[in-house]
Amino acid sequence: MNTMSDRRNDFLEPALLETRRKLRSVAIEFLALTGLLVSVVLAVMIDVKVLKNSASESSLTEMLHALLALGSALIYIRRAIREDEARGYRS
């Protein structure tokens, strides 16, 4: 026997699942960005304090910069392949 509360739960469940999925996605993105921020600060601190190295072309900071630039390019390429609207140029 379907009661009114059972029907309401059936109706709300997909919305709750979608909300949970979005919240999980936002939390993962927040943690990833926080990790990137901390890694940049740590790279500069390791260069200056531990390695006694300035920001030269062969420093840890410059290597991390190159890695982050590559990662950004790959993210943009992936999004442009998946979503036509994300492409910068359309004829």
Protein backbone atom coordinates (compact mmCIF):
# COMPACT_ATOMS: atom_id res chain seq x y z
CA MET A 1 0.00 0.00 0.00
CA ASN A 2 1.43 3.35 -1.06
CA THR A 3 0.93 6.02 1.55
CA MET A 4 1.25 9.74 0.96
CA SER A 5 4.67 9.89 2.68
CA ASP A 6 5.98 7.03 0.50
CA ARG A 7 4.93 8.88 -2.65
CA ARG A 8 6.57 12.06 -1.40
CA ASN A 9 9.82 10.19 -0.63
CA ASP A 10 9.79 8.64 -4.12
CA PHE A 11 9.41 12.12 -5.58
CA LEU A 12 12.13 13.70 -3.42
CA GLU A 13 14.73 10.94 -3.70
CA PRO A 14 16.06 11.83 -7.18
CA ALA A 15 16.33 15.49 -6.15
CA LEU A 16 18.19 14.53 -2.97
CA LEU A 17 20.54 12.28 -4.89
CA GLU A 18 21.27 15.06 -7.38
CA THR A 19 21.90 17.52 -4.54
CA ARG A 20 24.26 15.10 -2.84
CA ARG A 21 26.12 14.55 -6.11
CA LYS A 22 26.53 18.29 -6.62
CA LEU A 23 27.68 18.82 -3.03
CA ARG A 24 30.22 16.00 -3.36
CA SER A 25 31.50 17.51 -6.60
CA VAL A 26 31.85 20.96 -5.02
CA ALA A 27 33.62 19.51 -1.96
CA ILE A 28 36.10 17.61 -4.15
CA GLU A 29 36.77 20.71 -6.23
CA PHE A 30 37.30 22.80 -3.08
CA LEU A 31 39.75 20.27 -1.62
CA ALA A 32 41.64 20.02 -4.92
CA LEU A 33 41.97 23.80 -5.23
CA THR A 34 43.05 24.06 -1.59
CA GLY A 35 45.67 21.39 -2.24
CA LEU A 36 46.97 23.29 -5.25
CA LEU A 37 47.17 26.50 -3.22
CA VAL A 38 49.09 24.77 -0.45
CA SER A 39 51.44 23.10 -2.96
CA VAL A 40 52.39 26.46 -4.47
CA VAL A 41 53.18 27.95 -1.07
CA LEU A 42 55.14 24.83 -0.06
CA ALA A 43 57.14 24.88 -3.29
CA VAL A 44 58.21 28.48 -2.73
CA MET A 45 59.03 27.79 0.93
CA ILE A 46 61.07 24.68 0.06
CA ASP A 47 62.97 26.62 -2.60
CA VAL A 48 63.82 29.49 -0.29
CA LYS A 49 64.27 27.81 3.10
CA VAL A 50 65.41 24.26 2.40
CA LEU A 51 67.20 24.40 -0.93
CA LYS A 52 68.48 27.97 -0.41
CA ASN A 53 67.57 28.52 -4.03
CA SER A 54 66.14 31.64 -5.59
CA ALA A 55 63.39 31.44 -8.19
CA SER A 56 65.65 30.38 -11.05
CA GLU A 57 64.61 28.43 -14.13
CA SER A 58 65.52 25.10 -12.50
CA SER A 59 63.78 25.68 -9.17
CA LEU A 60 60.98 23.62 -7.70
CA THR A 61 58.68 26.61 -8.08
CA GLU A 62 59.32 26.84 -11.83
CA MET A 63 58.77 23.10 -12.28
CA LEU A 64 55.48 23.32 -10.39
CA HIS A 65 54.51 26.31 -12.54
CA ALA A 66 55.10 24.27 -15.70
CA LEU A 67 53.08 21.35 -14.30
CA LEU A 68 50.16 23.60 -13.35
CA ALA A 69 50.20 25.25 -16.79
CA LEU A 70 50.12 21.81 -18.44
CA GLY A 71 47.29 20.71 -16.15
CA SER A 72 45.28 23.84 -16.97
CA ALA A 73 45.73 23.28 -20.69
CA LEU A 74 44.59 19.66 -20.39
CA ILE A 75 41.51 20.68 -18.39
CA TYR A 76 40.54 23.27 -21.02
CA ILE A 77 41.09 20.80 -23.86
CA ARG A 78 39.00 18.14 -22.12
CA ARG A 79 36.16 20.57 -21.51
CA ALA A 80 36.28 21.89 -25.07
CA ILE A 81 36.00 18.35 -26.41
CA ARG A 82 33.03 17.51 -24.18
CA GLU A 83 31.12 20.81 -24.41
CA ASP A 84 30.76 22.79 -27.63
CA GLU A 85 29.75 25.88 -25.66
CA ALA A 86 33.09 25.89 -23.81
CA ARG A 87 35.06 26.42 -27.00
CA GLY A 88 36.48 29.89 -27.40
CA TYR A 89 36.10 30.17 -31.16
CA ARG A 90 33.05 29.24 -33.15
CA SER A 91 32.55 30.05 -36.80
